[in-house]
Amino acid sequence: MSSLPTSVSNRLTRHLRENNQTYCQHLCDAWGYSFQCFSSAAVFLVHGLLPFTFEHTGSELINNVHDVIAAKQAATAAVNSNDDVEESHF
């Protein structure tokens, strides 16, 4: 990351730190969400042409992505708030 401009490097490391992830963990998560969203888009395209297919699949896929991200955000918020409490005692 030393070849990145300082402002980009700071933003990157801050985002990773706030989410308690390494670069590779973040990349895998983001690409996983992308794949699931692309899959949902394909399902919606087919459903648009043939309404009797995938009647609930697209929304279920999108809801699943949302649920996973929301759970991860909640867990991260809990860890970060615990870190804040621990730091305030020092």
N, C-alpha and C. Protein backbone atom coordinates (compact mmCIF):
# COMPACT_ATOMS: atom_id res chain seq x y z
N MET A 1 0.80 -1.19 0.00
CA MET A 1 0.00 0.00 0.00
C MET A 1 0.85 1.26 0.00
N SER A 2 2.15 1.09 0.07
CA SER A 2 3.02 2.26 0.14
C SER A 2 3.00 3.08 -1.15
N SER A 3 2.57 2.50 -2.27
CA SER A 3 2.52 3.24 -3.52
C SER A 3 1.26 4.10 -3.64
N LEU A 4 0.31 3.93 -2.73
CA LEU A 4 -0.91 4.72 -2.75
C LEU A 4 -0.66 6.11 -2.17
N PRO A 5 -1.35 7.12 -2.69
CA PRO A 5 -1.25 8.44 -2.05
C PRO A 5 -1.72 8.34 -0.60
N THR A 6 -1.17 9.17 0.26
CA THR A 6 -1.46 9.10 1.69
C THR A 6 -2.95 9.20 1.99
N SER A 7 -3.65 10.12 1.32
CA SER A 7 -5.08 10.29 1.61
C SER A 7 -5.88 9.02 1.28
N VAL A 8 -5.53 8.35 0.19
CA VAL A 8 -6.21 7.12 -0.19
C VAL A 8 -5.86 6.01 0.80
N SER A 9 -4.59 5.93 1.13
CA SER A 9 -4.14 4.91 2.08
C SER A 9 -4.81 5.09 3.44
N ASN A 10 -4.92 6.33 3.90
CA ASN A 10 -5.58 6.60 5.19
C ASN A 10 -7.05 6.21 5.16
N ARG A 11 -7.73 6.55 4.07
CA ARG A 11 -9.15 6.20 3.95
C ARG A 11 -9.34 4.70 3.89
N LEU A 12 -8.46 4.02 3.16
CA LEU A 12 -8.54 2.57 3.03
C LEU A 12 -8.32 1.90 4.39
N THR A 13 -7.25 2.27 5.05
CA THR A 13 -6.96 1.61 6.33
C THR A 13 -8.01 1.96 7.38
N ARG A 14 -8.55 3.19 7.35
CA ARG A 14 -9.61 3.55 8.29
C ARG A 14 -10.84 2.69 8.06
N HIS A 15 -11.24 2.54 6.81
CA HIS A 15 -12.43 1.74 6.49
C HIS A 15 -12.23 0.29 6.92
N LEU A 16 -11.07 -0.27 6.64
CA LEU A 16 -10.80 -1.66 7.03
C LEU A 16 -10.78 -1.80 8.55
N ARG A 17 -10.17 -0.85 9.24
CA ARG A 17 -10.09 -0.88 10.70
C ARG A 17 -11.50 -0.75 11.30
N GLU A 18 -12.32 0.17 10.77
CA GLU A 18 -13.69 0.36 11.28
C GLU A 18 -14.53 -0.90 11.10
N ASN A 19 -14.21 -1.68 10.07
CA ASN A 19 -14.96 -2.91 9.80
C ASN A 19 -14.27 -4.16 10.33
N ASN A 20 -13.17 -3.97 11.05
CA ASN A 20 -12.43 -5.09 11.65
C ASN A 20 -12.12 -6.18 10.63
N GLN A 21 -11.59 -5.75 9.46
CA GLN A 21 -11.28 -6.69 8.40
C GLN A 21 -9.90 -6.41 7.82
N THR A 22 -9.32 -7.48 7.30
CA THR A 22 -8.12 -7.31 6.49
C THR A 22 -8.56 -6.94 5.08
N TYR A 23 -7.61 -6.54 4.26
CA TYR A 23 -7.93 -6.21 2.88
C TYR A 23 -8.55 -7.41 2.16
N CYS A 24 -7.96 -8.59 2.35
CA CYS A 24 -8.46 -9.80 1.68
C CYS A 24 -9.86 -10.18 2.16
N GLN A 25 -10.11 -10.05 3.46
CA GLN A 25 -11.46 -10.35 3.97
C GLN A 25 -12.48 -9.40 3.35
N HIS A 26 -12.13 -8.12 3.30
CA HIS A 26 -13.03 -7.12 2.73
C HIS A 26 -13.27 -7.40 1.25
N LEU A 27 -12.22 -7.71 0.53
CA LEU A 27 -12.34 -8.01 -0.89
C LEU A 27 -13.25 -9.21 -1.13
N CYS A 28 -13.04 -10.27 -0.36
CA CYS A 28 -13.88 -11.47 -0.52
C CYS A 28 -15.33 -11.18 -0.19
N ASP A 29 -15.58 -10.42 0.87
CA ASP A 29 -16.96 -10.06 1.21
C ASP A 29 -17.60 -9.24 0.09
N ALA A 30 -16.90 -8.20 -0.36
CA ALA A 30 -17.45 -7.32 -1.39
C ALA A 30 -17.72 -8.08 -2.68
N TRP A 31 -16.80 -8.93 -3.07
CA TRP A 31 -17.00 -9.71 -4.29
C TRP A 31 -18.13 -10.73 -4.11
N GLY A 32 -18.24 -11.28 -2.92
CA GLY A 32 -19.35 -12.21 -2.64
C GLY A 32 -20.69 -11.51 -2.77
N TYR A 33 -20.79 -10.28 -2.20
CA TYR A 33 -22.03 -9.52 -2.32
C TYR A 33 -22.30 -9.18 -3.78
N SER A 34 -21.26 -8.82 -4.51
CA SER A 34 -21.41 -8.51 -5.93
C SER A 34 -21.95 -9.71 -6.69
N PHE A 35 -21.39 -10.87 -6.44
CA PHE A 35 -21.83 -12.08 -7.13
C PHE A 35 -23.30 -12.36 -6.82
N GLN A 36 -23.67 -12.21 -5.54
CA GLN A 36 -25.07 -12.45 -5.16
C GLN A 36 -26.00 -11.43 -5.81
N CYS A 37 -25.56 -10.19 -5.90
CA CYS A 37 -26.38 -9.16 -6.55
C CYS A 37 -26.49 -9.41 -8.06
N PHE A 38 -25.39 -9.82 -8.69
CA PHE A 38 -25.45 -10.15 -10.12
C PHE A 38 -26.38 -11.35 -10.35
N SER A 39 -26.32 -12.32 -9.45
CA SER A 39 -27.23 -13.47 -9.55
C SER A 39 -28.67 -13.01 -9.43
N SER A 40 -28.92 -12.11 -8.48
CA SER A 40 -30.27 -11.57 -8.31
C SER A 40 -30.72 -10.85 -9.57
N ALA A 41 -29.83 -10.08 -10.16
CA ALA A 41 -30.17 -9.35 -11.38
C ALA A 41 -30.55 -10.32 -12.50
N ALA A 42 -29.82 -11.40 -12.64
CA ALA A 42 -30.14 -12.39 -13.66
C ALA A 42 -31.51 -13.02 -13.41
N VAL A 43 -31.77 -13.32 -12.14
CA VAL A 43 -33.08 -13.88 -11.78
C VAL A 43 -34.19 -12.91 -12.11
N PHE A 44 -33.99 -11.62 -11.79
CA PHE A 44 -35.01 -10.61 -12.09
C PHE A 44 -35.22 -10.45 -13.60
N LEU A 45 -34.14 -10.53 -14.37
CA LEU A 45 -34.28 -10.44 -15.83
C LEU A 45 -35.12 -11.58 -16.38
N VAL A 46 -34.84 -12.79 -15.92
CA VAL A 46 -35.61 -13.95 -16.38
C VAL A 46 -37.05 -13.83 -15.90
N HIS A 47 -37.23 -13.44 -14.65
CA HIS A 47 -38.58 -13.30 -14.10
C HIS A 47 -39.39 -12.23 -14.88
N GLY A 48 -38.71 -11.16 -15.30
CA GLY A 48 -39.38 -10.14 -16.08
C GLY A 48 -39.92 -10.68 -17.39
N LEU A 49 -39.17 -11.56 -18.01
CA LEU A 49 -39.60 -12.17 -19.28
C LEU A 49 -40.62 -13.28 -19.07
N LEU A 50 -40.40 -14.05 -18.04
CA LEU A 50 -41.25 -15.22 -17.75
C LEU A 50 -41.73 -15.11 -16.29
N PRO A 51 -42.79 -14.36 -16.06
CA PRO A 51 -43.23 -14.05 -14.69
C PRO A 51 -43.54 -15.26 -13.82
N PHE A 52 -43.79 -16.39 -14.40
CA PHE A 52 -44.09 -17.59 -13.62
C PHE A 52 -42.82 -18.25 -13.07
N THR A 53 -41.64 -17.76 -13.49
CA THR A 53 -40.39 -18.33 -12.97
C THR A 53 -39.86 -17.44 -11.84
N PHE A 54 -39.13 -18.04 -10.94
CA PHE A 54 -38.43 -17.31 -9.88
C PHE A 54 -39.33 -16.29 -9.18
N GLU A 55 -40.54 -16.71 -8.83
CA GLU A 55 -41.51 -15.77 -8.28
C GLU A 55 -41.04 -15.08 -7.01
N HIS A 56 -40.23 -15.75 -6.21
CA HIS A 56 -39.77 -15.15 -4.95
C HIS A 56 -38.24 -15.17 -4.82
N THR A 57 -37.58 -15.81 -5.75
CA THR A 57 -36.14 -16.03 -5.65
C THR A 57 -35.34 -14.74 -5.60
N GLY A 58 -35.65 -13.79 -6.47
CA GLY A 58 -34.90 -12.54 -6.52
C GLY A 58 -34.96 -11.79 -5.22
N SER A 59 -36.19 -11.63 -4.68
CA SER A 59 -36.30 -10.91 -3.41
C SER A 59 -35.63 -11.67 -2.27
N GLU A 60 -35.71 -12.98 -2.29
CA GLU A 60 -35.05 -13.77 -1.24
C GLU A 60 -33.54 -13.57 -1.29
N LEU A 61 -32.98 -13.55 -2.50
CA LEU A 61 -31.54 -13.34 -2.64
C LEU A 61 -31.13 -11.96 -2.13
N ILE A 62 -31.90 -10.93 -2.50
CA ILE A 62 -31.60 -9.57 -2.05
C ILE A 62 -31.76 -9.47 -0.54
N ASN A 63 -32.82 -10.06 0.01
CA ASN A 63 -33.01 -10.04 1.46
C ASN A 63 -31.88 -10.73 2.18
N ASN A 64 -31.38 -11.83 1.60
CA ASN A 64 -30.27 -12.55 2.21
C ASN A 64 -29.01 -11.68 2.26
N VAL A 65 -28.72 -11.00 1.15
CA VAL A 65 -27.55 -10.11 1.13
C VAL A 65 -27.72 -9.02 2.20
N HIS A 66 -28.90 -8.44 2.26
CA HIS A 66 -29.15 -7.40 3.27
C HIS A 66 -28.97 -7.94 4.68
N ASP A 67 -29.53 -9.11 4.95
CA ASP A 67 -29.43 -9.70 6.29
C ASP A 67 -27.99 -9.96 6.69
N VAL A 68 -27.20 -10.48 5.75
CA VAL A 68 -25.78 -10.75 6.04
C VAL A 68 -25.03 -9.46 6.33
N ILE A 69 -25.25 -8.44 5.51
CA ILE A 69 -24.56 -7.16 5.71
C ILE A 69 -25.01 -6.52 7.02
N ALA A 70 -26.31 -6.54 7.31
CA ALA A 70 -26.82 -5.95 8.55
C ALA A 70 -26.26 -6.65 9.77
N ALA A 71 -26.18 -7.97 9.73
CA ALA A 71 -25.62 -8.73 10.86
C ALA A 71 -24.15 -8.40 11.05
N LYS A 72 -23.42 -8.29 9.94
CA LYS A 72 -22.00 -7.95 10.02
C LYS A 72 -21.81 -6.55 10.59
N GLN A 73 -22.67 -5.61 10.16
CA GLN A 73 -22.59 -4.24 10.68
C GLN A 73 -22.89 -4.21 12.18
N ALA A 74 -23.89 -4.96 12.61
CA ALA A 74 -24.23 -5.01 14.03
C ALA A 74 -23.09 -5.59 14.85
N ALA A 75 -22.49 -6.66 14.36
CA ALA A 75 -21.37 -7.27 15.07
C ALA A 75 -20.18 -6.32 15.14
N THR A 76 -19.91 -5.63 14.05
CA THR A 76 -18.81 -4.67 14.01
C THR A 76 -19.08 -3.51 14.96
N ALA A 77 -20.31 -3.03 14.98
CA ALA A 77 -20.67 -1.93 15.89
C ALA A 77 -20.49 -2.35 17.34
N ALA A 78 -20.86 -3.59 17.66
CA ALA A 78 -20.70 -4.08 19.02
C ALA A 78 -19.23 -4.16 19.41
N VAL A 79 -18.40 -4.66 18.50
CA VAL A 79 -16.96 -4.75 18.77
C VAL A 79 -16.37 -3.36 18.94
N ASN A 80 -16.75 -2.44 18.05
CA ASN A 80 -16.21 -1.08 18.13
C ASN A 80 -16.67 -0.36 19.39
N SER A 81 -17.91 -0.59 19.83
CA SER A 81 -18.37 0.06 21.06
C SER A 81 -17.66 -0.53 22.27
N ASN A 82 -17.36 -1.83 22.24
CA ASN A 82 -16.59 -2.44 23.33
C ASN A 82 -15.18 -1.88 23.37
N ASP A 83 -14.60 -1.64 22.19
CA ASP A 83 -13.26 -1.05 22.13
C ASP A 83 -13.28 0.35 22.73
N ASP A 84 -14.33 1.12 22.46
CA ASP A 84 -14.45 2.47 22.99
C ASP A 84 -14.55 2.44 24.52
N VAL A 85 -15.31 1.49 25.05
CA VAL A 85 -15.47 1.37 26.50
C VAL A 85 -14.14 1.00 27.13
N GLU A 86 -13.44 0.03 26.54
CA GLU A 86 -12.16 -0.40 27.08
C GLU A 86 -11.14 0.74 27.04
N GLU A 87 -11.12 1.52 25.96
CA GLU A 87 -10.17 2.61 25.84
C GLU A 87 -10.46 3.71 26.86
N SER A 88 -11.72 3.92 27.22
CA SER A 88 -12.07 4.99 28.14
C SER A 88 -11.62 4.69 29.57
N HIS A 89 -11.32 3.44 29.87
CA HIS A 89 -10.88 3.06 31.20
C HIS A 89 -9.39 3.29 31.42
N PHE A 90 -8.66 3.62 30.36
CA PHE A 90 -7.21 3.80 30.48
C PHE A 90 -6.85 5.22 30.57
